[in-house]
PDB file of N, CA and C in Angstrom:
ATOM      1  N   MET A   1      28.087 -59.790  31.336  1.00  0.00           N
ATOM      2  CA  MET A   1      29.412 -59.662  31.918  1.00  0.00           C
ATOM      3  C   MET A   1      29.460 -60.274  33.325  1.00  0.00           C
ATOM      4  N   ILE A   2      28.463 -59.953  34.144  1.00  0.00           N
ATOM      5  CA  ILE A   2      28.434 -60.490  35.501  1.00  0.00           C
ATOM      6  C   ILE A   2      28.243 -61.999  35.470  1.00  0.00           C
ATOM      7  N   SER A   3      27.360 -62.490  34.599  1.00  0.00           N
ATOM      8  CA  SER A   3      27.141 -63.938  34.524  1.00  0.00           C
ATOM      9  C   SER A   3      28.404 -64.655  34.053  1.00  0.00           C
ATOM     10  N   HIS A   4      29.202 -63.991  33.225  1.00  0.00           N
ATOM     11  CA  HIS A   4      30.477 -64.578  32.768  1.00  0.00           C
ATOM     12  C   HIS A   4      31.440 -64.717  33.948  1.00  0.00           C
ATOM     13  N   ARG A   5      31.489 -63.708  34.813  1.00  0.00           N
ATOM     14  CA  ARG A   5      32.348 -63.765  36.009  1.00  0.00           C
ATOM     15  C   ARG A   5      31.898 -64.872  36.955  1.00  0.00           C
ATOM     16  N   ILE A   6      30.587 -65.002  37.130  1.00  0.00           N
ATOM     17  CA  ILE A   6      30.065 -66.047  38.003  1.00  0.00           C
ATOM     18  C   ILE A   6      30.438 -67.416  37.449  1.00  0.00           C
ATOM     19  N   THR A   7      30.304 -67.591  36.140  1.00  0.00           N
ATOM     20  CA  THR A   7      30.682 -68.857  35.504  1.00  0.00           C
ATOM     21  C   THR A   7      32.161 -69.126  35.708  1.00  0.00           C
ATOM     22  N   ASP A   8      33.006 -68.109  35.546  1.00  0.00           N
ATOM     23  CA  ASP A   8      34.450 -68.259  35.762  1.00  0.00           C
ATOM     24  C   ASP A   8      34.751 -68.654  37.206  1.00  0.00           C
ATOM     25  N   LEU A   9      34.085 -68.001  38.156  1.00  0.00           N
ATOM     26  CA  LEU A   9      34.298 -68.323  39.567  1.00  0.00           C
ATOM     27  C   LEU A   9      33.873 -69.750  39.877  1.00  0.00           C
ATOM     28  N   MET A  10      32.771 -70.187  39.320  1.00  0.00           N
ATOM     29  CA  MET A  10      32.298 -71.552  39.540  1.00  0.00           C
ATOM     30  C   MET A  10      33.282 -72.559  38.945  1.00  0.00           C
ATOM     31  N   MET A  11      33.802 -72.246  37.756  1.00  0.00           N
ATOM     32  CA  MET A  11      34.775 -73.122  37.104  1.00  0.00           C
ATOM     33  C   MET A  11      36.052 -73.185  37.933  1.00  0.00           C
ATOM     34  N   ASN A  12      36.521 -72.035  38.429  1.00  0.00           N
ATOM     35  CA  ASN A  12      37.726 -72.003  39.258  1.00  0.00           C
ATOM     36  C   ASN A  12      37.533 -72.814  40.531  1.00  0.00           C
ATOM     37  N   GLU A  13      36.369 -72.715  41.162  1.00  0.00           N
ATOM     38  CA  GLU A  13      36.111 -73.477  42.381  1.00  0.00           C
ATOM     39  C   GLU A  13      36.100 -74.974  42.098  1.00  0.00           C
ATOM     40  N   LYS A  14      35.566 -75.380  40.933  1.00  0.00           N
ATOM     41  CA  LYS A  14      35.582 -76.800  40.558  1.00  0.00           C
ATOM     42  C   LYS A  14      37.012 -77.285  40.369  1.00  0.00           C
ATOM     43  N   ILE A  15      37.823 -76.472  39.716  1.00  0.00           N
ATOM     44  CA  ILE A  15      39.236 -76.820  39.496  1.00  0.00           C
ATOM     45  C   ILE A  15      39.956 -76.922  40.834  1.00  0.00           C
ATOM     46  N   LEU A  16      39.753 -75.927  41.707  1.00  0.00           N
ATOM     47  CA  LEU A  16      40.394 -75.940  43.021  1.00  0.00           C
ATOM     48  C   LEU A  16      39.946 -77.144  43.843  1.00  0.00           C
ATOM     49  N   ALA A  17      38.673 -77.473  43.793  1.00  0.00           N
ATOM     50  CA  ALA A  17      38.167 -78.630  44.541  1.00  0.00           C
ATOM     51  C   ALA A  17      38.823 -79.915  44.047  1.00  0.00           C
ATOM     52  N   SER A  18      38.977 -80.041  42.746  1.00  0.00           N
ATOM     53  CA  SER A  18      39.624 -81.218  42.165  1.00  0.00           C
ATOM     54  C   SER A  18      41.092 -81.290  42.585  1.00  0.00           C
ATOM     55  N   LEU A  19      41.777 -80.153  42.526  1.00  0.00           N
ATOM     56  CA  LEU A  19      43.181 -80.105  42.942  1.00  0.00           C
ATOM     57  C   LEU A  19      43.330 -80.419  44.424  1.00  0.00           C
ATOM     58  N   ARG A  20      42.440 -79.874  45.251  1.00  0.00           N
ATOM     59  CA  ARG A  20      42.496 -80.141  46.689  1.00  0.00           C
ATOM     60  C   ARG A  20      42.353 -81.641  46.964  1.00  0.00           C
ATOM     61  N   ALA A  21      41.396 -82.276  46.291  1.00  0.00           N
ATOM     62  CA  ALA A  21      41.173 -83.714  46.503  1.00  0.00           C
ATOM     63  C   ALA A  21      42.410 -84.514  46.099  1.00  0.00           C
ATOM     64  N   GLU A  22      42.998 -84.162  44.970  1.00  0.00           N
ATOM     65  CA  GLU A  22      44.193 -84.868  44.498  1.00  0.00           C
ATOM     66  C   GLU A  22      45.370 -84.662  45.446  1.00  0.00           C
ATOM     67  N   LEU A  23      45.603 -83.428  45.853  1.00  0.00           N
ATOM     68  CA  LEU A  23      46.729 -83.126  46.737  1.00  0.00           C
ATOM     69  C   LEU A  23      46.538 -83.727  48.126  1.00  0.00           C
ATOM     70  N   ASN A  24      45.304 -83.770  48.607  1.00  0.00           N
ATOM     71  CA  ASN A  24      45.047 -84.339  49.925  1.00  0.00           C
ATOM     72  C   ASN A  24      45.500 -85.797  49.979  1.00  0.00           C
ATOM     73  N   GLU A  25      45.315 -86.527  48.884  1.00  0.00           N
ATOM     74  CA  GLU A  25      45.742 -87.928  48.826  1.00  0.00           C
ATOM     75  C   GLU A  25      47.262 -88.064  48.770  1.00  0.00           C
ATOM     76  N   GLN A  26      47.946 -87.013  48.354  1.00  0.00           N
ATOM     77  CA  GLN A  26      49.400 -87.054  48.207  1.00  0.00           C
ATOM     78  C   GLN A  26      50.142 -86.449  49.393  1.00  0.00           C
ATOM     79  N   THR A  27      49.411 -85.964  50.377  1.00  0.00           N
ATOM     80  CA  THR A  27      50.018 -85.346  51.546  1.00  0.00           C
ATOM     81  C   THR A  27      50.587 -86.429  52.455  1.00  0.00           C
ATOM     82  N   ALA A  28      51.787 -86.169  52.957  1.00  0.00           N
ATOM     83  CA  ALA A  28      52.432 -87.143  53.844  1.00  0.00           C
ATOM     84  C   ALA A  28      53.260 -86.412  54.883  1.00  0.00           C
ATOM     85  N   GLN A  29      53.607 -87.127  55.942  1.00  0.00           N
ATOM     86  CA  GLN A  29      54.523 -86.587  56.932  1.00  0.00           C
ATOM     87  C   GLN A  29      55.910 -87.155  56.658  1.00  0.00           C
ATOM     88  N   MET A  30      56.908 -86.284  56.768  1.00  0.00           N
ATOM     89  CA  MET A  30      58.297 -86.696  56.559  1.00  0.00           C
ATOM     90  C   MET A  30      59.177 -86.058  57.626  1.00  0.00           C
ATOM     91  N   GLN A  31      60.202 -86.788  58.024  1.00  0.00           N
ATOM     92  CA  GLN A  31      61.190 -86.244  58.958  1.00  0.00           C
ATOM     93  C   GLN A  31      62.060 -85.229  58.212  1.00  0.00           C
ATOM     94  N   TRP A  32      62.539 -84.231  58.947  1.00  0.00           N
ATOM     95  CA  TRP A  32      63.405 -83.218  58.353  1.00  0.00           C
ATOM     96  C   TRP A  32      64.621 -83.862  57.688  1.00  0.00           C
ATOM     97  N   SER A  33      65.170 -84.893  58.304  1.00  0.00           N
ATOM     98  CA  SER A  33      66.360 -85.542  57.742  1.00  0.00           C
ATOM     99  C   SER A  33      66.110 -86.054  56.324  1.00  0.00           C
ATOM    100  N   GLU A  34      64.870 -86.377  55.995  1.00  0.00           N
ATOM    101  CA  GLU A  34      64.521 -86.829  54.646  1.00  0.00           C
ATOM    102  C   GLU A  34      64.349 -85.654  53.680  1.00  0.00           C
ATOM    103  N   LEU A  35      64.191 -84.457  54.223  1.00  0.00           N
ATOM    104  CA  LEU A  35      63.914 -83.276  53.403  1.00  0.00           C
ATOM    105  C   LEU A  35      65.122 -82.364  53.207  1.00  0.00           C
ATOM    106  N   GLU A  36      66.192 -82.598  53.966  1.00  0.00           N
ATOM    107  CA  GLU A  36      67.352 -81.698  53.925  1.00  0.00           C
ATOM    108  C   GLU A  36      67.906 -81.487  52.519  1.00  0.00           C
ATOM    109  N   ARG A  37      67.961 -82.538  51.732  1.00  0.00           N
ATOM    110  CA  ARG A  37      68.537 -82.386  50.383  1.00  0.00           C
ATOM    111  C   ARG A  37      67.687 -81.456  49.515  1.00  0.00           C
ATOM    112  N   TYR A  38      66.376 -81.438  49.755  1.00  0.00           N
ATOM    113  CA  TYR A  38      65.515 -80.530  48.993  1.00  0.00           C
ATOM    114  C   TYR A  38      65.703 -79.086  49.460  1.00  0.00           C
ATOM    115  N   PHE A  39      65.963 -78.929  50.758  1.00  0.00           N
ATOM    116  CA  PHE A  39      66.294 -77.599  51.283  1.00  0.00           C
ATOM    117  C   PHE A  39      67.563 -77.100  50.596  1.00  0.00           C
ATOM    118  N   ALA A  40      68.566 -77.971  50.510  1.00  0.00           N
ATOM    119  CA  ALA A  40      69.828 -77.599  49.855  1.00  0.00           C
ATOM    120  C   ALA A  40      69.592 -77.217  48.396  1.00  0.00           C
ATOM    121  N   GLY A  41      68.612 -77.835  47.766  1.00  0.00           N
ATOM    122  CA  GLY A  41      68.288 -77.524  46.375  1.00  0.00           C
ATOM    123  C   GLY A  41      67.380 -76.320  46.206  1.00  0.00           C
ATOM    124  N   GLY A  42      66.921 -75.748  47.327  1.00  0.00           N
ATOM    125  CA  GLY A  42      66.097 -74.535  47.277  1.00  0.00           C
ATOM    126  C   GLY A  42      64.654 -74.761  46.868  1.00  0.00           C
ATOM    127  N   THR A  43      64.163 -75.993  47.010  1.00  0.00           N
ATOM    128  CA  THR A  43      62.805 -76.271  46.548  1.00  0.00           C
ATOM    129  C   THR A  43      61.766 -76.407  47.666  1.00  0.00           C
ATOM    130  N   LEU A  44      62.178 -76.185  48.916  1.00  0.00           N
ATOM    131  CA  LEU A  44      61.231 -76.295  50.027  1.00  0.00           C
ATOM    132  C   LEU A  44      60.570 -74.951  50.313  1.00  0.00           C
ATOM    133  N   ILE A  45      59.257 -74.971  50.381  1.00  0.00           N
ATOM    134  CA  ILE A  45      58.477 -73.773  50.683  1.00  0.00           C
ATOM    135  C   ILE A  45      57.757 -73.997  52.003  1.00  0.00           C
ATOM    136  N   SER A  46      57.954 -73.088  52.938  1.00  0.00           N
ATOM    137  CA  SER A  46      57.330 -73.164  54.252  1.00  0.00           C
ATOM    138  C   SER A  46      55.944 -72.516  54.203  1.00  0.00           C
ATOM    139  N   VAL A  47      54.966 -73.259  54.719  1.00  0.00           N
ATOM    140  CA  VAL A  47      53.587 -72.780  54.797  1.00  0.00           C
ATOM    141  C   VAL A  47      53.257 -72.575  56.272  1.00  0.00           C
ATOM    142  N   ALA A  48      52.838 -71.376  56.627  1.00  0.00           N
ATOM    143  CA  ALA A  48      52.513 -71.054  58.015  1.00  0.00           C
ATOM    144  C   ALA A  48      51.384 -71.939  58.530  1.00  0.00           C
ATOM    145  N   ALA A  49      51.398 -72.198  59.831  1.00  0.00           N
ATOM    146  CA  ALA A  49      50.410 -73.075  60.459  1.00  0.00           C
ATOM    147  C   ALA A  49      48.981 -72.575  60.288  1.00  0.00           C
ATOM    148  N   GLU A  50      48.808 -71.257  60.158  1.00  0.00           N
ATOM    149  CA  GLU A  50      47.444 -70.728  60.041  1.00  0.00           C
ATOM    150  C   GLU A  50      46.824 -70.917  58.663  1.00  0.00           C
ATOM    151  N   LEU A  51      47.624 -71.397  57.704  1.00  0.00           N
ATOM    152  CA  LEU A  51      47.100 -71.671  56.365  1.00  0.00           C
ATOM    153  C   LEU A  51      46.816 -73.159  56.217  1.00  0.00           C
ATOM    154  N   ASP A  52      45.906 -73.472  55.326  1.00  0.00           N
ATOM    155  CA  ASP A  52      45.598 -74.858  54.990  1.00  0.00           C
ATOM    156  C   ASP A  52      46.582 -75.308  53.909  1.00  0.00           C
ATOM    157  N   LEU A  53      47.446 -76.253  54.253  1.00  0.00           N
ATOM    158  CA  LEU A  53      48.487 -76.741  53.338  1.00  0.00           C
ATOM    159  C   LEU A  53      47.918 -77.167  51.992  1.00  0.00           C
ATOM    160  N   ILE A  54      46.801 -77.871  52.006  1.00  0.00           N
ATOM    161  CA  ILE A  54      46.198 -78.374  50.774  1.00  0.00           C
ATOM    162  C   ILE A  54      45.665 -77.221  49.925  1.00  0.00           C
ATOM    163  N   ASP A  55      45.027 -76.251  50.563  1.00  0.00           N
ATOM    164  CA  ASP A  55      44.512 -75.098  49.817  1.00  0.00           C
ATOM    165  C   ASP A  55      45.655 -74.314  49.187  1.00  0.00           C
ATOM    166  N   VAL A  56      46.730 -74.120  49.930  1.00  0.00           N
ATOM    167  CA  VAL A  56      47.896 -73.404  49.383  1.00  0.00           C
ATOM    168  C   VAL A  56      48.430 -74.159  48.167  1.00  0.00           C
ATOM    169  N   GLY A  57      48.584 -75.465  48.298  1.00  0.00           N
ATOM    170  CA  GLY A  57      49.068 -76.262  47.176  1.00  0.00           C
ATOM    171  C   GLY A  57      48.162 -76.168  45.965  1.00  0.00           C
ATOM    172  N   ALA A  58      46.860 -76.225  46.192  1.00  0.00           N
ATOM    173  CA  ALA A  58      45.901 -76.141  45.089  1.00  0.00           C
ATOM    174  C   ALA A  58      45.975 -74.786  44.402  1.00  0.00           C
ATOM    175  N   ARG A  59      46.113 -73.734  45.193  1.00  0.00           N
ATOM    176  CA  ARG A  59      46.173 -72.391  44.594  1.00  0.00           C
ATOM    177  C   ARG A  59      47.485 -72.158  43.840  1.00  0.00           C
ATOM    178  N   ILE A  60      48.567 -72.749  44.319  1.00  0.00           N
ATOM    179  CA  ILE A  60      49.828 -72.673  43.576  1.00  0.00           C
ATOM    180  C   ILE A  60      49.691 -73.443  42.268  1.00  0.00           C
ATOM    181  N   ALA A  61      49.122 -74.646  42.336  1.00  0.00           N
ATOM    182  CA  ALA A  61      48.944 -75.467  41.131  1.00  0.00           C
ATOM    183  C   ALA A  61      48.026 -74.782  40.121  1.00  0.00           C
ATOM    184  N   ALA A  62      47.040 -74.025  40.615  1.00  0.00           N
ATOM    185  CA  ALA A  62      46.096 -73.320  39.744  1.00  0.00           C
ATOM    186  C   ALA A  62      46.634 -71.960  39.298  1.00  0.00           C
ATOM    187  N   ASP A  63      47.855 -71.643  39.704  1.00  0.00           N
ATOM    188  CA  ASP A  63      48.505 -70.378  39.346  1.00  0.00           C
ATOM    189  C   ASP A  63      47.739 -69.152  39.850  1.00  0.00           C
ATOM    190  N   ASP A  64      47.265 -69.241  41.094  1.00  0.00           N
ATOM    191  CA  ASP A  64      46.557 -68.140  41.748  1.00  0.00           C
ATOM    192  C   ASP A  64      47.598 -67.172  42.311  1.00  0.00           C
ATOM    193  N   LYS A  65      48.124 -66.341  41.440  1.00  0.00           N
ATOM    194  CA  LYS A  65      49.207 -65.426  41.809  1.00  0.00           C
ATOM    195  C   LYS A  65      48.807 -64.453  42.914  1.00  0.00           C
ATOM    196  N   ALA A  66      47.572 -63.988  42.887  1.00  0.00           N
ATOM    197  CA  ALA A  66      47.129 -62.998  43.878  1.00  0.00           C
ATOM    198  C   ALA A  66      47.200 -63.579  45.292  1.00  0.00           C
ATOM    199  N   SER A  67      46.682 -64.791  45.483  1.00  0.00           N
ATOM    200  CA  SER A  67      46.727 -65.402  46.816  1.00  0.00           C
ATOM    201  C   SER A  67      48.162 -65.649  47.259  1.00  0.00           C
ATOM    202  N   VAL A  68      48.970 -66.186  46.358  1.00  0.00           N
ATOM    203  CA  VAL A  68      50.366 -66.488  46.691  1.00  0.00           C
ATOM    204  C   VAL A  68      51.106 -65.209  47.072  1.00  0.00           C
ATOM    205  N   GLN A  69      50.919 -64.147  46.314  1.00  0.00           N
ATOM    206  CA  GLN A  69      51.580 -62.876  46.632  1.00  0.00           C
ATOM    207  C   GLN A  69      51.113 -62.322  47.971  1.00  0.00           C
ATOM    208  N   ASP A  70      49.811 -62.434  48.246  1.00  0.00           N
ATOM    209  CA  ASP A  70      49.288 -61.963  49.538  1.00  0.00           C
ATOM    210  C   ASP A  70      49.936 -62.728  50.684  1.00  0.00           C
ATOM    211  N   TRP A  71      50.037 -64.050  50.552  1.00  0.00           N
ATOM    212  CA  TRP A  71      50.643 -64.861  51.607  1.00  0.00           C
ATOM    213  C   TRP A  71      52.125 -64.539  51.773  1.00  0.00           C
ATOM    214  N   MET A  72      52.793 -64.295  50.661  1.00  0.00           N
ATOM    215  CA  MET A  72      54.220 -63.963  50.744  1.00  0.00           C
ATOM    216  C   MET A  72      54.409 -62.609  51.426  1.00  0.00           C
ATOM    217  N   LYS A  73      53.594 -61.639  51.080  1.00  0.00           N
ATOM    218  CA  LYS A  73      53.681 -60.320  51.716  1.00  0.00           C
ATOM    219  C   LYS A  73      53.432 -60.406  53.213  1.00  0.00           C
ATOM    220  N   ALA A  74      52.517 -61.287  53.607  1.00  0.00           N
ATOM    221  CA  ALA A  74      52.186 -61.462  55.021  1.00  0.00           C
ATOM    222  C   ALA A  74      53.167 -62.420  55.714  1.00  0.00           C
ATOM    223  N   GLU A  75      54.160 -62.879  54.988  1.00  0.00           N
ATOM    224  CA  GLU A  75      55.189 -63.812  55.482  1.00  0.00           C
ATOM    225  C   GLU A  75      54.585 -65.126  55.986  1.00  0.00           C
ATOM    226  N   LEU A  76      53.524 -65.553  55.328  1.00  0.00           N
ATOM    227  CA  LEU A  76      52.883 -66.829  55.649  1.00  0.00           C
ATOM    228  C   LEU A  76      53.365 -67.940  54.721  1.00  0.00           C
ATOM    229  N   LEU A  77      54.055 -67.545  53.658  1.00  0.00           N
ATOM    230  CA  LEU A  77      54.556 -68.472  52.651  1.00  0.00           C
ATOM    231  C   LEU A  77      55.911 -67.965  52.191  1.00  0.00           C
ATOM    232  N   HIS A  78      56.946 -68.818  52.325  1.00  0.00           N
ATOM    233  CA  HIS A  78      58.286 -68.410  51.911  1.00  0.00           C
ATOM    234  C   HIS A  78      59.186 -69.632  51.798  1.00  0.00           C
ATOM    235  N   ARG A  79      60.295 -69.453  51.120  1.00  0.00           N
ATOM    236  CA  ARG A  79      61.272 -70.536  51.077  1.00  0.00           C
ATOM    237  C   ARG A  79      61.764 -70.805  52.490  1.00  0.00           C
ATOM    238  N   VAL A  80      61.999 -72.073  52.778  1.00  0.00           N
ATOM    239  CA  VAL A  80      62.521 -72.421  54.099  1.00  0.00           C
ATOM    240  C   VAL A  80      63.855 -71.708  54.271  1.00  0.00           C
ATOM    241  N   ASN A  81      64.003 -71.004  55.384  1.00  0.00           N
ATOM    242  CA  ASN A  81      65.236 -70.249  55.621  1.00  0.00           C
ATOM    243  C   ASN A  81      66.188 -71.039  56.520  1.00  0.00           C
ATOM    244  N   ASP A  82      67.402 -70.538  56.644  1.00  0.00           N
ATOM    245  CA  ASP A  82      68.430 -71.228  57.421  1.00  0.00           C
ATOM    246  C   ASP A  82      68.024 -71.429  58.882  1.00  0.00           C
ATOM    247  N   ALA A  83      67.385 -70.423  59.485  1.00  0.00           N
ATOM    248  CA  ALA A  83      66.986 -70.537  60.893  1.00  0.00           C
ATOM    249  C   ALA A  83      65.972 -71.665  61.081  1.00  0.00           C
ATOM    250  N   GLN A  84      65.001 -71.736  60.183  1.00  0.00           N
ATOM    251  CA  GLN A  84      64.023 -72.828  60.256  1.00  0.00           C
ATOM    252  C   GLN A  84      64.713 -74.169  60.076  1.00  0.00           C
ATOM    253  N   ALA A  85      65.596 -74.236  59.087  1.00  0.00           N
ATOM    254  CA  ALA A  85      66.291 -75.489  58.801  1.00  0.00           C
ATOM    255  C   ALA A  85      67.088 -75.961  60.011  1.00  0.00           C
ATOM    256  N   LEU A  86      67.769 -75.048  60.673  1.00  0.00           N
ATOM    257  CA  LEU A  86      68.544 -75.420  61.862  1.00  0.00           C
ATOM    258  C   LEU A  86      67.652 -75.894  62.998  1.00  0.00           C
ATOM    259  N   GLN A  87      66.532 -75.216  63.194  1.00  0.00           N
ATOM    260  CA  GLN A  87      65.594 -75.606  64.244  1.00  0.00           C
ATOM    261  C   GLN A  87      65.022 -76.994  63.947  1.00  0.00           C
ATOM    262  N   TRP A  88      64.613 -77.214  62.719  1.00  0.00           N
ATOM    263  CA  TRP A  88      64.035 -78.507  62.348  1.00  0.00           C
ATOM    264  C   TRP A  88      65.084 -79.615  62.378  1.00  0.00           C
ATOM    265  N   LEU A  89      66.335 -79.263  62.061  1.00  0.00           N
ATOM    266  CA  LEU A  89      67.427 -80.238  62.138  1.00  0.00           C
ATOM    267  C   LEU A  89      67.634 -80.678  63.584  1.00  0.00           C
ATOM    268  N   ALA A  90      67.662 -79.727  64.513  1.00  0.00           N
ATOM    269  CA  ALA A  90      67.877 -80.034  65.928  1.00  0.00           C
ATOM    270  C   ALA A  90      66.771 -80.950  66.464  1.00  0.00           C
ATOM    271  N   GLN A  91      65.571 -80.786  65.950  1.00  0.00           N
ATOM    272  CA  GLN A  91      64.427 -81.582  66.406  1.00  0.00           C
ATOM    273  C   GLN A  91      64.200 -82.829  65.550  1.00  0.00           C
ATOM    274  N   ASP A  92      64.867 -82.909  64.404  1.00  0.00           N
ATOM    275  CA  ASP A  92      64.495 -83.836  63.327  1.00  0.00           C
ATOM    276  C   ASP A  92      62.974 -83.829  63.229  1.00  0.00           C
ATOM    277  N   ALA A  93      62.461 -82.620  63.021  1.00  0.00           N
ATOM    278  CA  ALA A  93      61.025 -82.358  63.040  1.00  0.00           C
ATOM    279  C   ALA A  93      60.272 -83.218  62.035  1.00  0.00           C
ATOM    280  N   LEU A  94      59.058 -83.555  62.403  1.00  0.00           N
ATOM    281  CA  LEU A  94      58.138 -84.255  61.529  1.00  0.00           C
ATOM    282  C   LEU A  94      57.276 -83.191  60.852  1.00  0.00           C
ATOM    283  N   LEU A  95      57.355 -83.123  59.530  1.00  0.00           N
ATOM    284  CA  LEU A  95      56.671 -82.075  58.775  1.00  0.00           C
ATOM    285  C   LEU A  95      55.634 -82.672  57.832  1.00  0.00           C
ATOM    286  N   TRP A  96      54.531 -81.958  57.684  1.00  0.00           N
ATOM    287  CA  TRP A  96      53.561 -82.306  56.646  1.00  0.00           C
ATOM    288  C   TRP A  96      54.112 -81.826  55.327  1.00  0.00           C
ATOM    289  N   THR A  97      53.978 -82.616  54.283  1.00  0.00           N
ATOM    290  CA  THR A  97      54.514 -82.250  52.975  1.00  0.00           C
ATOM    291  C   THR A  97      53.509 -82.554  51.871  1.00  0.00           C
ATOM    292  N   VAL A  98      53.606 -81.769  50.828  1.00  0.00           N
ATOM    293  CA  VAL A  98      52.879 -82.047  49.592  1.00  0.00           C
ATOM    294  C   VAL A  98      53.699 -81.450  48.451  1.00  0.00           C
ATOM    295  N   VAL A  99      53.784 -82.179  47.356  1.00  0.00           N
ATOM    296  CA  VAL A  99      54.573 -81.742  46.212  1.00  0.00           C
ATOM    297  C   VAL A  99      53.674 -81.031  45.215  1.00  0.00           C
ATOM    298  N   VAL A 100      54.084 -79.821  44.840  1.00  0.00           N
ATOM    299  CA  VAL A 100      53.467 -79.061  43.760  1.00  0.00           C
ATOM    300  C   VAL A 100      54.645 -78.618  42.908  1.00  0.00           C
ATOM    301  N   LYS A 101      54.995 -79.466  41.939  1.00  0.00           N
ATOM    302  CA  LYS A 101      56.230 -79.273  41.176  1.00  0.00           C
ATOM    303  C   LYS A 101      56.354 -77.859  40.660  1.00  0.00           C
ATOM    304  N   PRO A 102      57.533 -77.280  40.803  1.00  0.00           N
ATOM    305  CA  PRO A 102      58.797 -77.863  41.238  1.00  0.00           C
ATOM    306  C   PRO A 102      59.018 -77.769  42.752  1.00  0.00           C
ATOM    307  N   TRP A 103      57.996 -77.381  43.499  1.00  0.00           N
ATOM    308  CA  TRP A 103      58.135 -77.109  44.921  1.00  0.00           C
ATOM    309  C   TRP A 103      57.687 -78.289  45.780  1.00  0.00           C
ATOM    310  N   ILE A 104      58.242 -78.317  46.986  1.00  0.00           N
ATOM    311  CA  ILE A 104      57.737 -79.194  48.033  1.00  0.00           C
ATOM    312  C   ILE A 104      57.294 -78.261  49.152  1.00  0.00           C
ATOM    313  N   LEU A 105      56.001 -78.263  49.411  1.00  0.00           N
ATOM    314  CA  LEU A 105      55.454 -77.427  50.470  1.00  0.00           C
ATOM    315  C   LEU A 105      55.563 -78.184  51.779  1.00  0.00           C
ATOM    316  N   VAL A 106      56.026 -77.499  52.817  1.00  0.00           N
ATOM    317  CA  VAL A 106      56.176 -78.123  54.129  1.00  0.00           C
ATOM    318  C   VAL A 106      55.482 -77.268  55.174  1.00  0.00           C
ATOM    319  N   GLN A 107      54.959 -77.961  56.184  1.00  0.00           N
ATOM    320  CA  GLN A 107      54.267 -77.273  57.268  1.00  0.00           C
ATOM    321  C   GLN A 107      54.529 -78.053  58.549  1.00  0.00           C
ATOM    322  N   HIS A 108      55.036 -77.338  59.552  1.00  0.00           N
ATOM    323  CA  HIS A 108      55.371 -78.002  60.812  1.00  0.00           C
ATOM    324  C   HIS A 108      54.117 -78.443  61.541  1.00  0.00           C
ATOM    325  N   GLU A 109      53.161 -77.586  61.661  1.00  0.00           N
ATOM    326  CA  GLU A 109      51.883 -77.896  62.302  1.00  0.00           C
ATOM    327  C   GLU A 109      50.797 -77.722  61.256  1.00  0.00           C
ATOM    328  N   ARG A 110      50.194 -78.802  60.843  1.00  0.00           N
ATOM    329  CA  ARG A 110      49.155 -78.723  59.816  1.00  0.00           C
ATOM    330  C   ARG A 110      47.824 -78.381  60.443  1.00  0.00           C
ATOM    331  N   ARG A 111      47.204 -77.341  59.900  1.00  0.00           N
ATOM    332  CA  ARG A 111      45.858 -76.945  60.338  1.00  0.00           C
ATOM    333  C   ARG A 111      44.865 -77.796  59.562  1.00  0.00           C
ATOM    334  N   VAL A 112      43.986 -78.480  60.290  1.00  0.00           N
ATOM    335  CA  VAL A 112      42.951 -79.276  59.651  1.00  0.00           C
ATOM    336  C   VAL A 112      41.738 -78.386  59.459  1.00  0.00           C
ATOM    337  N   PRO A 113      41.281 -78.231  58.220  1.00  0.00           N
ATOM    338  CA  PRO A 113      40.100 -77.382  57.977  1.00  0.00           C
ATOM    339  C   PRO A 113      38.908 -77.872  58.785  1.00  0.00           C
ATOM    340  N   ALA A 114      38.070 -76.947  59.232  1.00  0.00           N
ATOM    341  CA  ALA A 114      36.922 -77.267  60.076  1.00  0.00           C
ATOM    342  C   ALA A 114      36.015 -78.298  59.421  1.00  0.00           C
ATOM    343  N   ASP A 115      35.811 -78.190  58.103  1.00  0.00           N
ATOM    344  CA  ASP A 115      34.910 -79.131  57.428  1.00  0.00           C
ATOM    345  C   ASP A 115      35.521 -80.525  57.290  1.00  0.00           C
ATOM    346  N   ALA A 116      36.824 -80.663  57.456  1.00  0.00           N
ATOM    347  CA  ALA A 116      37.483 -81.974  57.365  1.00  0.00           C
ATOM    348  C   ALA A 116      37.621 -82.638  58.736  1.00  0.00           C
ATOM    349  N   ALA A 117      37.381 -81.898  59.784  1.00  0.00           N
ATOM    350  CA  ALA A 117      37.587 -82.421  61.142  1.00  0.00           C
ATOM    351  C   ALA A 117      36.457 -83.346  61.577  1.00  0.00           C
ATOM    352  N   HIS A 118      35.370 -83.384  60.863  1.00  0.00           N
ATOM    353  CA  HIS A 118      34.219 -84.215  61.259  1.00  0.00           C
ATOM    354  C   HIS A 118      34.376 -85.636  60.801  1.00  0.00           C
TER     355      HIS A 118
END
């Protein structure tokens, strides 16, 4: 039973690593003015600066409900709200983005993981 769990965890980490690599290549910066229509469509998800945008995207793509629920409860992950939209509109903010259909994840300040900073 324990060896089965370890195998599952190893498989999940391989899947997450593959998703992270794929999403990292698809990450881009976009001006808020380019994203407004997606906000109007309700598909923009705000990722807090303290989270790794790529990891969040990978966990959403892998259907990691527990992590997503934890982040939502901690208000680190949520649909972009009107106050954020107005602030970003006033600044025409430059946001990091990655698409995890049907969502577009956005982050105002992207945290670079320590292992990627080298």
